[in-house]
Amino acid sequence: MKIKPSLRQVEDWMAEKSAILSKAQALSTIGLPETAQPSAATYEERIASLLDAQGENLEAAVHRISAASCFQKAGDPSRATTLSRRAGRSATTSDAR
């Protein structure tokens, strides 16, 4: 089975993001700040953009919410709020179809 290049990119970015989040969790467990959160959020935003391009609005919204959570944990509530609102609009657009 041949995988579309954009789907392969989504899968690659999801794997990289998961590794970053695992590292962030491990650092948090030992009392170090979660400095990897913004990096994970960036991957989530990239994934959401690719999913939007494929018409997968609900799935894109899920990744934007995840990015928002990462930014919130990283101390960037403004960016977290912006992404949460975009996720809501994206999910609403998908429901209307």
Protein backbone atom coordinates (compact mmCIF):
# COMPACT_ATOMS: atom_id res chain seq x y z
CA MET A 1 0.00 0.00 0.00
CA LYS A 2 1.40 3.35 -1.05
CA ILE A 3 1.09 6.16 1.49
CA LYS A 4 0.47 9.73 0.33
CA PRO A 5 3.49 11.98 0.97
CA SER A 6 1.43 14.28 3.21
CA LEU A 7 0.16 11.32 5.26
CA ARG A 8 3.72 10.07 5.64
CA GLN A 9 4.73 13.57 6.80
CA VAL A 10 1.91 13.61 9.38
CA GLU A 11 3.03 10.22 10.68
CA ASP A 12 6.68 11.35 10.88
CA TRP A 13 5.77 14.56 12.71
CA MET A 14 3.50 12.69 15.11
CA ALA A 15 6.36 10.33 15.98
CA GLU A 16 8.76 13.24 16.55
CA LYS A 17 6.17 15.11 18.63
CA SER A 18 5.53 12.01 20.75
CA ALA A 19 9.25 11.64 21.45
CA ILE A 20 9.45 15.30 22.49
CA LEU A 21 6.45 14.97 24.81
CA SER A 22 7.89 11.82 26.38
CA LYS A 23 11.11 13.67 27.09
CA ALA A 24 9.18 16.63 28.52
CA GLN A 25 7.22 14.33 30.82
CA ALA A 26 10.41 12.62 32.02
CA LEU A 27 12.03 15.99 32.75
CA SER A 28 8.93 17.14 34.60
CA THR A 29 8.95 13.96 36.71
CA ILE A 30 12.44 14.74 37.97
CA GLY A 31 11.54 18.35 38.71
CA LEU A 32 12.93 20.11 35.66
CA PRO A 33 10.82 22.59 33.72
CA GLU A 34 9.01 21.37 30.64
CA THR A 35 11.09 23.23 28.08
CA ALA A 36 10.10 20.90 25.24
CA GLN A 37 6.43 21.95 25.23
CA PRO A 38 6.79 24.75 22.63
CA SER A 39 8.60 22.38 20.29
CA ALA A 40 5.84 19.79 20.60
CA ALA A 41 3.23 22.49 20.03
CA THR A 42 4.96 23.50 16.81
CA TYR A 43 4.72 19.92 15.54
CA GLU A 44 1.03 19.82 16.50
CA GLU A 45 0.41 23.01 14.52
CA ARG A 46 2.19 21.58 11.46
CA ILE A 47 0.17 18.37 11.71
CA ALA A 48 -3.07 20.36 11.99
CA SER A 49 -2.22 22.38 8.86
CA LEU A 50 -1.58 19.24 6.82
CA LEU A 51 -4.80 17.67 8.08
CA ASP A 52 -6.73 20.84 7.18
CA ALA A 53 -5.31 20.64 3.66
CA GLN A 54 -6.64 17.08 3.43
CA GLY A 55 -10.08 18.16 4.63
CA GLU A 56 -9.68 16.42 8.00
CA ASN A 57 -10.99 19.37 10.03
CA LEU A 58 -11.99 17.48 13.17
CA GLU A 59 -8.65 15.72 13.39
CA ALA A 60 -6.89 19.04 12.79
CA ALA A 61 -8.91 20.57 15.63
CA VAL A 62 -7.71 17.81 17.98
CA HIS A 63 -4.09 18.63 17.15
CA ARG A 64 -4.70 22.36 17.65
CA ILE A 65 -6.14 21.64 21.09
CA SER A 66 -3.03 19.60 21.88
CA ALA A 67 -0.83 22.48 20.67
CA ALA A 68 -2.84 24.86 22.84
CA SER A 69 -2.26 22.64 25.87
CA CYS A 70 1.47 22.58 25.19
CA PHE A 71 1.62 26.36 24.89
CA GLN A 72 -0.41 26.74 28.10
CA LYS A 73 2.05 24.48 29.95
CA ALA A 74 4.92 26.49 28.48
CA GLY A 75 3.49 29.71 29.90
CA ASP A 76 2.10 31.18 26.66
CA PRO A 77 -1.64 31.55 27.41
CA SER A 78 -2.21 34.00 24.56
CA ARG A 79 -1.08 31.54 21.91
CA ALA A 80 -2.98 28.76 23.69
CA THR A 81 -6.19 30.79 23.53
CA THR A 82 -5.71 31.60 19.85
CA LEU A 83 -5.23 27.93 18.96
CA SER A 84 -8.22 26.86 21.07
CA ARG A 85 -10.42 29.31 19.20
CA ARG A 86 -9.12 28.12 15.82
CA ALA A 87 -9.79 24.53 16.86
CA GLY A 88 -13.35 25.41 17.79
CA ARG A 89 -13.97 27.13 14.46
CA SER A 90 -12.43 24.22 12.56
CA ALA A 91 -14.56 21.66 14.41
CA THR A 92 -17.71 23.74 13.86
CA THR A 93 -16.95 24.00 10.13
CA SER A 94 -16.55 20.24 9.95
CA ASP A 95 -19.84 19.64 11.79
CA ALA A 96 -21.68 21.86 9.32
CA ARG A 97 -20.78 19.55 6.41
